[in-house]
Amino acid sequence: MRSFVRRLVPAVMAALASMAAVAIVTPAVSKADCAGGEWWDPTAKVCRPLGVGPQPLACDPGQWWDPTANVCRPLGVGPQPLACDPGQWWDPGANVCRPVGG
C-alpha cells in the first residue's frame, strides 16, 4: 500500500502543477479587461458601458427572455449546456464547446 501511495503522490503533484500553470498563464474566460463602469457582453464579445446592450423583451407570462438569441422562450426551453471536455467552456451564444482562452 505504501508503494502505491508513493507512486501516486508524484502523479497527483504533476497533475496539480500543470493545472496551476494553465490557470496562471491562461486568463479566465469570464474575465475581460473592461474599464471601470463597463461590463463584459459575452454574446457580442465586447465591453459595454453600464446600461447599454441587449434590453430584455417584455415576455408573456410563462416565458423568459433568452438574451443570447434575443427572443422569448417558454419556461424550460432554451439552450442547454453541453458536456464540454476538460479545458473547454460552453459558449451558449453559438452552442459549442470552445478551448479555454481561445
PDB file of N, CA and C in Angstrom:
ATOM      1  N   MET A   1       0.814  -1.192   0.000  1.00  0.00           N
ATOM      2  CA  MET A   1       0.000   0.000   0.000  1.00  0.00           C
ATOM      3  C   MET A   1       0.861   1.261   0.000  1.00  0.00           C
ATOM      4  N   ARG A   2       1.936   1.239   0.783  1.00  0.00           N
ATOM      5  CA  ARG A   2       2.814   2.405   0.830  1.00  0.00           C
ATOM      6  C   ARG A   2       3.465   2.665  -0.529  1.00  0.00           C
ATOM      7  N   SER A   3       3.855   1.605  -1.217  1.00  0.00           N
ATOM      8  CA  SER A   3       4.491   1.804  -2.525  1.00  0.00           C
ATOM      9  C   SER A   3       3.480   2.392  -3.525  1.00  0.00           C
ATOM     10  N   PHE A   4       2.229   1.992  -3.410  1.00  0.00           N
ATOM     11  CA  PHE A   4       1.190   2.547  -4.281  1.00  0.00           C
ATOM     12  C   PHE A   4       1.036   4.052  -4.018  1.00  0.00           C
ATOM     13  N   VAL A   5       0.993   4.430  -2.753  1.00  0.00           N
ATOM     14  CA  VAL A   5       0.854   5.842  -2.389  1.00  0.00           C
ATOM     15  C   VAL A   5       2.078   6.625  -2.829  1.00  0.00           C
ATOM     16  N   ARG A   6       3.256   6.041  -2.672  1.00  0.00           N
ATOM     17  CA  ARG A   6       4.484   6.725  -3.088  1.00  0.00           C
ATOM     18  C   ARG A   6       4.514   6.953  -4.597  1.00  0.00           C
ATOM     19  N   ARG A   7       3.915   6.046  -5.367  1.00  0.00           N
ATOM     20  CA  ARG A   7       3.843   6.234  -6.816  1.00  0.00           C
ATOM     21  C   ARG A   7       2.734   7.206  -7.199  1.00  0.00           C
ATOM     22  N   LEU A   8       1.680   7.237  -6.403  1.00  0.00           N
ATOM     23  CA  LEU A   8       0.534   8.083  -6.706  1.00  0.00           C
ATOM     24  C   LEU A   8       0.807   9.562  -6.426  1.00  0.00           C
ATOM     25  N   VAL A   9       1.542   9.844  -5.362  1.00  0.00           N
ATOM     26  CA  VAL A   9       1.783  11.232  -4.963  1.00  0.00           C
ATOM     27  C   VAL A   9       2.473  12.039  -6.072  1.00  0.00           C
ATOM     28  N   PRO A  10       3.557  11.568  -6.694  1.00  0.00           N
ATOM     29  CA  PRO A  10       4.178  12.368  -7.765  1.00  0.00           C
ATOM     30  C   PRO A  10       3.237  12.595  -8.954  1.00  0.00           C
ATOM     31  N   ALA A  11       2.421  11.619  -9.272  1.00  0.00           N
ATOM     32  CA  ALA A  11       1.482  11.778 -10.387  1.00  0.00           C
ATOM     33  C   ALA A  11       0.450  12.855 -10.063  1.00  0.00           C
ATOM     34  N   VAL A  12      -0.051  12.845  -8.843  1.00  0.00           N
ATOM     35  CA  VAL A  12      -1.022  13.862  -8.441  1.00  0.00           C
ATOM     36  C   VAL A  12      -0.370  15.239  -8.418  1.00  0.00           C
ATOM     37  N   MET A  13       0.843  15.320  -7.905  1.00  0.00           N
ATOM     38  CA  MET A  13       1.548  16.600  -7.862  1.00  0.00           C
ATOM     39  C   MET A  13       1.801  17.143  -9.271  1.00  0.00           C
ATOM     40  N   ALA A  14       2.176  16.268 -10.201  1.00  0.00           N
ATOM     41  CA  ALA A  14       2.406  16.700 -11.581  1.00  0.00           C
ATOM     42  C   ALA A  14       1.109  17.221 -12.203  1.00  0.00           C
ATOM     43  N   ALA A  15       0.004  16.531 -11.932  1.00  0.00           N
ATOM     44  CA  ALA A  15      -1.281  16.971 -12.474  1.00  0.00           C
ATOM     45  C   ALA A  15      -1.677  18.328 -11.894  1.00  0.00           C
ATOM     46  N   LEU A  16      -1.520  18.507 -10.601  1.00  0.00           N
ATOM     47  CA  LEU A  16      -1.868  19.780  -9.969  1.00  0.00           C
ATOM     48  C   LEU A  16      -0.970  20.907 -10.459  1.00  0.00           C
ATOM     49  N   ALA A  17       0.307  20.616 -10.629  1.00  0.00           N
ATOM     50  CA  ALA A  17       1.239  21.640 -11.117  1.00  0.00           C
ATOM     51  C   ALA A  17       0.875  22.081 -12.533  1.00  0.00           C
ATOM     52  N   SER A  18       0.506  21.135 -13.397  1.00  0.00           N
ATOM     53  CA  SER A  18       0.144  21.506 -14.765  1.00  0.00           C
ATOM     54  C   SER A  18      -1.146  22.309 -14.788  1.00  0.00           C
ATOM     55  N   MET A  19      -2.114  21.948 -13.927  1.00  0.00           N
ATOM     56  CA  MET A  19      -3.357  22.719 -13.861  1.00  0.00           C
ATOM     57  C   MET A  19      -3.088  24.124 -13.336  1.00  0.00           C
ATOM     58  N   ALA A  20      -2.221  24.256 -12.379  1.00  0.00           N
ATOM     59  CA  ALA A  20      -1.884  25.574 -11.836  1.00  0.00           C
ATOM     60  C   ALA A  20      -1.194  26.423 -12.891  1.00  0.00           C
ATOM     61  N   ALA A  21      -0.302  25.820 -13.660  1.00  0.00           N
ATOM     62  CA  ALA A  21       0.395  26.564 -14.707  1.00  0.00           C
ATOM     63  C   ALA A  21      -0.590  27.070 -15.758  1.00  0.00           C
ATOM     64  N   VAL A  22      -1.534  26.248 -16.149  1.00  0.00           N
ATOM     65  CA  VAL A  22      -2.538  26.661 -17.133  1.00  0.00           C
ATOM     66  C   VAL A  22      -3.407  27.772 -16.557  1.00  0.00           C
ATOM     67  N   ALA A  23      -3.802  27.660 -15.295  1.00  0.00           N
ATOM     68  CA  ALA A  23      -4.647  28.677 -14.668  1.00  0.00           C
ATOM     69  C   ALA A  23      -3.925  30.014 -14.566  1.00  0.00           C
ATOM     70  N   ILE A  24      -2.621  29.992 -14.353  1.00  0.00           N
ATOM     71  CA  ILE A  24      -1.854  31.225 -14.234  1.00  0.00           C
ATOM     72  C   ILE A  24      -1.628  31.862 -15.595  1.00  0.00           C
ATOM     73  N   VAL A  25      -1.289  31.048 -16.593  1.00  0.00           N
ATOM     74  CA  VAL A  25      -0.966  31.557 -17.924  1.00  0.00           C
ATOM     75  C   VAL A  25      -2.209  31.960 -18.692  1.00  0.00           C
ATOM     76  N   THR A  26      -3.291  31.182 -18.573  1.00  0.00           N
ATOM     77  CA  THR A  26      -4.496  31.424 -19.347  1.00  0.00           C
ATOM     78  C   THR A  26      -5.471  32.262 -18.538  1.00  0.00           C
ATOM     79  N   PRO A  27      -5.889  33.410 -19.055  1.00  0.00           N
ATOM     80  CA  PRO A  27      -6.867  34.203 -18.312  1.00  0.00           C
ATOM     81  C   PRO A  27      -8.218  33.515 -18.330  1.00  0.00           C
ATOM     82  N   ALA A  28      -9.003  33.776 -17.328  1.00  0.00           N
ATOM     83  CA  ALA A  28     -10.333  33.174 -17.249  1.00  0.00           C
ATOM     84  C   ALA A  28     -11.189  33.679 -18.389  1.00  0.00           C
ATOM     85  N   VAL A  29     -12.061  32.811 -18.871  1.00  0.00           N
ATOM     86  CA  VAL A  29     -12.918  33.160 -19.994  1.00  0.00           C
ATOM     87  C   VAL A  29     -13.857  34.302 -19.621  1.00  0.00           C
ATOM     88  N   SER A  30     -14.331  34.297 -18.395  1.00  0.00           N
ATOM     89  CA  SER A  30     -15.291  35.314 -17.999  1.00  0.00           C
ATOM     90  C   SER A  30     -14.645  36.659 -17.729  1.00  0.00           C
ATOM     91  N   LYS A  31     -13.328  36.685 -17.610  1.00  0.00           N
ATOM     92  CA  LYS A  31     -12.644  37.947 -17.337  1.00  0.00           C
ATOM     93  C   LYS A  31     -12.369  38.675 -18.640  1.00  0.00           C
ATOM     94  N   ALA A  32     -12.666  39.921 -18.631  1.00  0.00           N
ATOM     95  CA  ALA A  32     -12.288  40.774 -19.743  1.00  0.00           C
ATOM     96  C   ALA A  32     -11.692  42.028 -19.141  1.00  0.00           C
ATOM     97  N   ASP A  33     -10.829  42.665 -19.871  1.00  0.00           N
ATOM     98  CA  ASP A  33     -10.196  43.871 -19.369  1.00  0.00           C
ATOM     99  C   ASP A  33     -11.078  45.071 -19.695  1.00  0.00           C
ATOM    100  N   CYS A  34     -12.261  45.103 -19.087  1.00  0.00           N
ATOM    101  CA  CYS A  34     -13.175  46.220 -19.287  1.00  0.00           C
ATOM    102  C   CYS A  34     -12.802  47.341 -18.318  1.00  0.00           C
ATOM    103  N   ALA A  35     -12.984  48.569 -18.765  1.00  0.00           N
ATOM    104  CA  ALA A  35     -12.706  49.733 -17.927  1.00  0.00           C
ATOM    105  C   ALA A  35     -13.760  49.839 -16.835  1.00  0.00           C
ATOM    106  N   GLY A  36     -13.507  50.655 -15.848  1.00  0.00           N
ATOM    107  CA  GLY A  36     -14.478  50.867 -14.792  1.00  0.00           C
ATOM    108  C   GLY A  36     -15.780  51.403 -15.370  1.00  0.00           C
ATOM    109  N   GLY A  37     -16.890  50.900 -14.880  1.00  0.00           N
ATOM    110  CA  GLY A  37     -18.193  51.329 -15.387  1.00  0.00           C
ATOM    111  C   GLY A  37     -18.607  50.595 -16.644  1.00  0.00           C
ATOM    112  N   GLU A  38     -17.881  49.535 -16.991  1.00  0.00           N
ATOM    113  CA  GLU A  38     -18.246  48.724 -18.153  1.00  0.00           C
ATOM    114  C   GLU A  38     -18.479  47.281 -17.722  1.00  0.00           C
ATOM    115  N   TRP A  39     -19.192  46.527 -18.545  1.00  0.00           N
ATOM    116  CA  TRP A  39     -19.433  45.113 -18.283  1.00  0.00           C
ATOM    117  C   TRP A  39     -19.140  44.328 -19.553  1.00  0.00           C
ATOM    118  N   TRP A  40     -18.796  43.049 -19.381  1.00  0.00           N
ATOM    119  CA  TRP A  40     -18.447  42.174 -20.500  1.00  0.00           C
ATOM    120  C   TRP A  40     -19.713  41.554 -21.062  1.00  0.00           C
ATOM    121  N   ASP A  41     -19.977  41.778 -22.343  1.00  0.00           N
ATOM    122  CA  ASP A  41     -21.102  41.180 -23.051  1.00  0.00           C
ATOM    123  C   ASP A  41     -20.573  39.962 -23.786  1.00  0.00           C
ATOM    124  N   PRO A  42     -20.811  38.740 -23.250  1.00  0.00           N
ATOM    125  CA  PRO A  42     -20.235  37.546 -23.869  1.00  0.00           C
ATOM    126  C   PRO A  42     -20.847  37.218 -25.225  1.00  0.00           C
ATOM    127  N   THR A  43     -22.053  37.673 -25.485  1.00  0.00           N
ATOM    128  CA  THR A  43     -22.684  37.389 -26.774  1.00  0.00           C
ATOM    129  C   THR A  43     -21.989  38.159 -27.887  1.00  0.00           C
ATOM    130  N   ALA A  44     -21.770  39.451 -27.670  1.00  0.00           N
ATOM    131  CA  ALA A  44     -21.110  40.277 -28.676  1.00  0.00           C
ATOM    132  C   ALA A  44     -19.597  40.267 -28.519  1.00  0.00           C
ATOM    133  N   LYS A  45     -19.112  39.747 -27.369  1.00  0.00           N
ATOM    134  CA  LYS A  45     -17.681  39.688 -27.069  1.00  0.00           C
ATOM    135  C   LYS A  45     -17.049  41.080 -27.088  1.00  0.00           C
ATOM    136  N   VAL A  46     -17.722  42.020 -26.391  1.00  0.00           N
ATOM    137  CA  VAL A  46     -17.221  43.386 -26.273  1.00  0.00           C
ATOM    138  C   VAL A  46     -17.509  43.901 -24.867  1.00  0.00           C
ATOM    139  N   CYS A  47     -16.783  44.949 -24.474  1.00  0.00           N
ATOM    140  CA  CYS A  47     -17.091  45.663 -23.233  1.00  0.00           C
ATOM    141  C   CYS A  47     -18.137  46.720 -23.567  1.00  0.00           C
ATOM    142  N   ARG A  48     -19.143  46.831 -22.693  1.00  0.00           N
ATOM    143  CA  ARG A  48     -20.200  47.819 -22.910  1.00  0.00           C
ATOM    144  C   ARG A  48     -20.320  48.692 -21.661  1.00  0.00           C
ATOM    145  N   PRO A  49     -20.700  49.966 -21.857  1.00  0.00           N
ATOM    146  CA  PRO A  49     -20.969  50.816 -20.694  1.00  0.00           C
ATOM    147  C   PRO A  49     -22.186  50.288 -19.937  1.00  0.00           C
ATOM    148  N   LEU A  50     -22.219  50.544 -18.632  1.00  0.00           N
ATOM    149  CA  LEU A  50     -23.375  50.117 -17.851  1.00  0.00           C
ATOM    150  C   LEU A  50     -24.637  50.735 -18.430  1.00  0.00           C
ATOM    151  N   GLY A  51     -25.678  49.929 -18.556  1.00  0.00           N
ATOM    152  CA  GLY A  51     -26.950  50.404 -19.096  1.00  0.00           C
ATOM    153  C   GLY A  51     -27.053  50.299 -20.605  1.00  0.00           C
ATOM    154  N   VAL A  52     -25.989  49.898 -21.277  1.00  0.00           N
ATOM    155  CA  VAL A  52     -26.000  49.763 -22.729  1.00  0.00           C
ATOM    156  C   VAL A  52     -25.896  48.288 -23.076  1.00  0.00           C
ATOM    157  N   GLY A  53     -26.642  47.865 -24.070  1.00  0.00           N
ATOM    158  CA  GLY A  53     -26.577  46.479 -24.507  1.00  0.00           C
ATOM    159  C   GLY A  53     -27.948  45.910 -24.736  1.00  0.00           C
ATOM    160  N   PRO A  54     -28.017  44.596 -24.842  1.00  0.00           N
ATOM    161  CA  PRO A  54     -29.308  43.974 -25.107  1.00  0.00           C
ATOM    162  C   PRO A  54     -30.302  44.315 -23.995  1.00  0.00           C
ATOM    163  N   GLN A  55     -31.484  44.717 -24.374  1.00  0.00           N
ATOM    164  CA  GLN A  55     -32.519  45.045 -23.408  1.00  0.00           C
ATOM    165  C   GLN A  55     -33.525  43.902 -23.340  1.00  0.00           C
ATOM    166  N   PRO A  56     -33.925  43.517 -22.149  1.00  0.00           N
ATOM    167  CA  PRO A  56     -34.882  42.411 -22.017  1.00  0.00           C
ATOM    168  C   PRO A  56     -36.192  42.713 -22.731  1.00  0.00           C
ATOM    169  N   LEU A  57     -36.731  41.693 -23.373  1.00  0.00           N
ATOM    170  CA  LEU A  57     -38.038  41.812 -24.012  1.00  0.00           C
ATOM    171  C   LEU A  57     -39.129  41.672 -22.960  1.00  0.00           C
ATOM    172  N   ALA A  58     -40.282  42.212 -23.236  1.00  0.00           N
ATOM    173  CA  ALA A  58     -41.436  42.069 -22.341  1.00  0.00           C
ATOM    174  C   ALA A  58     -42.125  40.750 -22.694  1.00  0.00           C
ATOM    175  N   CYS A  59     -41.641  39.667 -22.114  1.00  0.00           N
ATOM    176  CA  CYS A  59     -42.167  38.337 -22.430  1.00  0.00           C
ATOM    177  C   CYS A  59     -43.496  38.099 -21.715  1.00  0.00           C
ATOM    178  N   ASP A  60     -44.350  37.302 -22.337  1.00  0.00           N
ATOM    179  CA  ASP A  60     -45.636  36.930 -21.751  1.00  0.00           C
ATOM    180  C   ASP A  60     -45.416  36.048 -20.527  1.00  0.00           C
ATOM    181  N   PRO A  61     -46.408  35.971 -19.642  1.00  0.00           N
ATOM    182  CA  PRO A  61     -46.293  35.050 -18.505  1.00  0.00           C
ATOM    183  C   PRO A  61     -46.034  33.625 -18.996  1.00  0.00           C
ATOM    184  N   GLY A  62     -45.167  32.916 -18.305  1.00  0.00           N
ATOM    185  CA  GLY A  62     -44.802  31.557 -18.704  1.00  0.00           C
ATOM    186  C   GLY A  62     -43.664  31.511 -19.700  1.00  0.00           C
ATOM    187  N   GLN A  63     -43.067  32.676 -19.977  1.00  0.00           N
ATOM    188  CA  GLN A  63     -41.933  32.753 -20.891  1.00  0.00           C
ATOM    189  C   GLN A  63     -40.791  33.492 -20.208  1.00  0.00           C
ATOM    190  N   TRP A  64     -39.593  33.299 -20.744  1.00  0.00           N
ATOM    191  CA  TRP A  64     -38.423  34.003 -20.243  1.00  0.00           C
ATOM    192  C   TRP A  64     -37.641  34.569 -21.406  1.00  0.00           C
ATOM    193  N   TRP A  65     -36.878  35.648 -21.138  1.00  0.00           N
ATOM    194  CA  TRP A  65     -36.079  36.280 -22.182  1.00  0.00           C
ATOM    195  C   TRP A  65     -34.742  35.577 -22.292  1.00  0.00           C
ATOM    196  N   ASP A  66     -34.434  35.087 -23.496  1.00  0.00           N
ATOM    197  CA  ASP A  66     -33.144  34.459 -23.782  1.00  0.00           C
ATOM    198  C   ASP A  66     -32.260  35.520 -24.439  1.00  0.00           C
ATOM    199  N   PRO A  67     -31.321  36.113 -23.685  1.00  0.00           N
ATOM    200  CA  PRO A  67     -30.519  37.199 -24.256  1.00  0.00           C
ATOM    201  C   PRO A  67     -29.566  36.749 -25.351  1.00  0.00           C
ATOM    202  N   THR A  68     -29.211  35.464 -25.397  1.00  0.00           N
ATOM    203  CA  THR A  68     -28.284  35.014 -26.438  1.00  0.00           C
ATOM    204  C   THR A  68     -28.925  35.060 -27.818  1.00  0.00           C
ATOM    205  N   ALA A  69     -30.232  34.812 -27.898  1.00  0.00           N
ATOM    206  CA  ALA A  69     -30.935  34.865 -29.179  1.00  0.00           C
ATOM    207  C   ALA A  69     -31.871  36.069 -29.261  1.00  0.00           C
ATOM    208  N   ASN A  70     -32.031  36.795 -28.134  1.00  0.00           N
ATOM    209  CA  ASN A  70     -32.930  37.942 -28.029  1.00  0.00           C
ATOM    210  C   ASN A  70     -34.357  37.568 -28.419  1.00  0.00           C
ATOM    211  N   VAL A  71     -34.850  36.488 -27.821  1.00  0.00           N
ATOM    212  CA  VAL A  71     -36.218  36.021 -28.052  1.00  0.00           C
ATOM    213  C   VAL A  71     -36.843  35.618 -26.720  1.00  0.00           C
ATOM    214  N   CYS A  72     -38.170  35.527 -26.704  1.00  0.00           N
ATOM    215  CA  CYS A  72     -38.884  34.979 -25.557  1.00  0.00           C
ATOM    216  C   CYS A  72     -39.056  33.481 -25.792  1.00  0.00           C
ATOM    217  N   ARG A  73     -38.799  32.694 -24.765  1.00  0.00           N
ATOM    218  CA  ARG A  73     -38.924  31.236 -24.866  1.00  0.00           C
ATOM    219  C   ARG A  73     -39.857  30.742 -23.773  1.00  0.00           C
ATOM    220  N   PRO A  74     -40.536  29.623 -24.035  1.00  0.00           N
ATOM    221  CA  PRO A  74     -41.349  29.025 -22.964  1.00  0.00           C
ATOM    222  C   PRO A  74     -40.444  28.570 -21.818  1.00  0.00           C
ATOM    223  N   LEU A  75     -40.976  28.603 -20.596  1.00  0.00           N
ATOM    224  CA  LEU A  75     -40.202  28.144 -19.449  1.00  0.00           C
ATOM    225  C   LEU A  75     -39.720  26.718 -19.678  1.00  0.00           C
ATOM    226  N   GLY A  76     -38.469  26.444 -19.369  1.00  0.00           N
ATOM    227  CA  GLY A  76     -37.895  25.110 -19.535  1.00  0.00           C
ATOM    228  C   GLY A  76     -37.344  24.849 -20.918  1.00  0.00           C
ATOM    229  N   VAL A  77     -37.486  25.788 -21.833  1.00  0.00           N
ATOM    230  CA  VAL A  77     -36.979  25.619 -23.196  1.00  0.00           C
ATOM    231  C   VAL A  77     -35.857  26.625 -23.406  1.00  0.00           C
ATOM    232  N   GLY A  78     -34.789  26.182 -24.008  1.00  0.00           N
ATOM    233  CA  GLY A  78     -33.690  27.100 -24.289  1.00  0.00           C
ATOM    234  C   GLY A  78     -32.398  26.352 -24.489  1.00  0.00           C
ATOM    235  N   PRO A  79     -31.318  27.099 -24.629  1.00  0.00           N
ATOM    236  CA  PRO A  79     -30.026  26.454 -24.831  1.00  0.00           C
ATOM    237  C   PRO A  79     -29.643  25.626 -23.612  1.00  0.00           C
ATOM    238  N   GLN A  80     -29.229  24.409 -23.854  1.00  0.00           N
ATOM    239  CA  GLN A  80     -28.817  23.516 -22.782  1.00  0.00           C
ATOM    240  C   GLN A  80     -27.299  23.394 -22.804  1.00  0.00           C
ATOM    241  N   PRO A  81     -26.661  23.502 -21.642  1.00  0.00           N
ATOM    242  CA  PRO A  81     -25.204  23.399 -21.611  1.00  0.00           C
ATOM    243  C   PRO A  81     -24.714  22.057 -22.163  1.00  0.00           C
ATOM    244  N   LEU A  82     -23.678  22.117 -22.960  1.00  0.00           N
ATOM    245  CA  LEU A  82     -23.052  20.909 -23.494  1.00  0.00           C
ATOM    246  C   LEU A  82     -22.101  20.329 -22.455  1.00  0.00           C
ATOM    247  N   ALA A  83     -21.849  19.058 -22.535  1.00  0.00           N
ATOM    248  CA  ALA A  83     -20.870  18.405 -21.658  1.00  0.00           C
ATOM    249  C   ALA A  83     -19.495  18.570 -22.303  1.00  0.00           C
ATOM    250  N   CYS A  84     -18.875  19.707 -22.060  1.00  0.00           N
ATOM    251  CA  CYS A  84     -17.577  20.010 -22.672  1.00  0.00           C
ATOM    252  C   CYS A  84     -16.465  19.242 -21.972  1.00  0.00           C
ATOM    253  N   ASP A  85     -15.433  18.926 -22.735  1.00  0.00           N
ATOM    254  CA  ASP A  85     -14.265  18.236 -22.200  1.00  0.00           C
ATOM    255  C   ASP A  85     -13.493  19.163 -21.273  1.00  0.00           C
ATOM    256  N   PRO A  86     -12.664  18.609 -20.393  1.00  0.00           N
ATOM    257  CA  PRO A  86     -11.815  19.458 -19.555  1.00  0.00           C
ATOM    258  C   PRO A  86     -10.962  20.378 -20.431  1.00  0.00           C
ATOM    259  N   GLY A  87     -10.817  21.614 -20.002  1.00  0.00           N
ATOM    260  CA  GLY A  87     -10.056  22.588 -20.774  1.00  0.00           C
ATOM    261  C   GLY A  87     -10.898  23.324 -21.798  1.00  0.00           C
ATOM    262  N   GLN A  88     -12.221  23.082 -21.769  1.00  0.00           N
ATOM    263  CA  GLN A  88     -13.122  23.764 -22.683  1.00  0.00           C
ATOM    264  C   GLN A  88     -14.263  24.390 -21.886  1.00  0.00           C
ATOM    265  N   TRP A  89     -14.939  25.370 -22.495  1.00  0.00           N
ATOM    266  CA  TRP A  89     -16.094  26.001 -21.869  1.00  0.00           C
ATOM    267  C   TRP A  89     -17.229  26.049 -22.882  1.00  0.00           C
ATOM    268  N   TRP A  90     -18.445  26.080 -22.374  1.00  0.00           N
ATOM    269  CA  TRP A  90     -19.624  26.106 -23.228  1.00  0.00           C
ATOM    270  C   TRP A  90     -19.941  27.534 -23.612  1.00  0.00           C
ATOM    271  N   ASP A  91     -19.980  27.821 -24.892  1.00  0.00           N
ATOM    272  CA  ASP A  91     -20.358  29.126 -25.423  1.00  0.00           C
ATOM    273  C   ASP A  91     -21.840  29.053 -25.754  1.00  0.00           C
ATOM    274  N   PRO A  92     -22.724  29.613 -24.893  1.00  0.00           N
ATOM    275  CA  PRO A  92     -24.159  29.472 -25.147  1.00  0.00           C
ATOM    276  C   PRO A  92     -24.636  30.225 -26.377  1.00  0.00           C
ATOM    277  N   GLY A  93     -23.933  31.277 -26.792  1.00  0.00           N
ATOM    278  CA  GLY A  93     -24.337  32.014 -27.973  1.00  0.00           C
ATOM    279  C   GLY A  93     -24.255  31.185 -29.239  1.00  0.00           C
ATOM    280  N   ALA A  94     -23.197  30.414 -29.363  1.00  0.00           N
ATOM    281  CA  ALA A  94     -23.017  29.556 -30.532  1.00  0.00           C
ATOM    282  C   ALA A  94     -23.384  28.102 -30.244  1.00  0.00           C
ATOM    283  N   ASN A  95     -23.624  27.785 -28.957  1.00  0.00           N
ATOM    284  CA  ASN A  95     -23.929  26.433 -28.511  1.00  0.00           C
ATOM    285  C   ASN A  95     -22.851  25.444 -28.931  1.00  0.00           C
ATOM    286  N   VAL A  96     -21.605  25.802 -28.628  1.00  0.00           N
ATOM    287  CA  VAL A  96     -20.465  24.934 -28.933  1.00  0.00           C
ATOM    288  C   VAL A  96     -19.500  24.965 -27.753  1.00  0.00           C
ATOM    289  N   CYS A  97     -18.623  23.976 -27.686  1.00  0.00           N
ATOM    290  CA  CYS A  97     -17.549  23.955 -26.703  1.00  0.00           C
ATOM    291  C   CYS A  97     -16.335  24.645 -27.324  1.00  0.00           C
ATOM    292  N   ARG A  98     -15.694  25.520 -26.563  1.00  0.00           N
ATOM    293  CA  ARG A  98     -14.521  26.252 -27.055  1.00  0.00           C
ATOM    294  C   ARG A  98     -13.367  26.022 -26.085  1.00  0.00           C
ATOM    295  N   PRO A  99     -12.138  26.047 -26.597  1.00  0.00           N
ATOM    296  CA  PRO A  99     -10.983  25.894 -25.691  1.00  0.00           C
ATOM    297  C   PRO A  99     -10.866  27.099 -24.775  1.00  0.00           C
ATOM    298  N   VAL A 100     -10.428  26.861 -23.557  1.00  0.00           N
ATOM    299  CA  VAL A 100     -10.237  27.937 -22.588  1.00  0.00           C
ATOM    300  C   VAL A 100      -9.175  28.872 -23.123  1.00  0.00           C
ATOM    301  N   GLY A 101      -9.463  30.165 -23.101  1.00  0.00           N
ATOM    302  CA  GLY A 101      -8.526  31.163 -23.576  1.00  0.00           C
ATOM    303  C   GLY A 101      -8.537  31.331 -25.081  1.00  0.00           C
ATOM    304  N   GLY A 102      -9.428  30.594 -25.773  1.00  0.00           N
ATOM    305  CA  GLY A 102      -9.451  30.707 -27.239  1.00  0.00           C
ATOM    306  C   GLY A 102     -10.538  31.550 -27.771  1.00  0.00           C
TER     307      GLY A 102
END
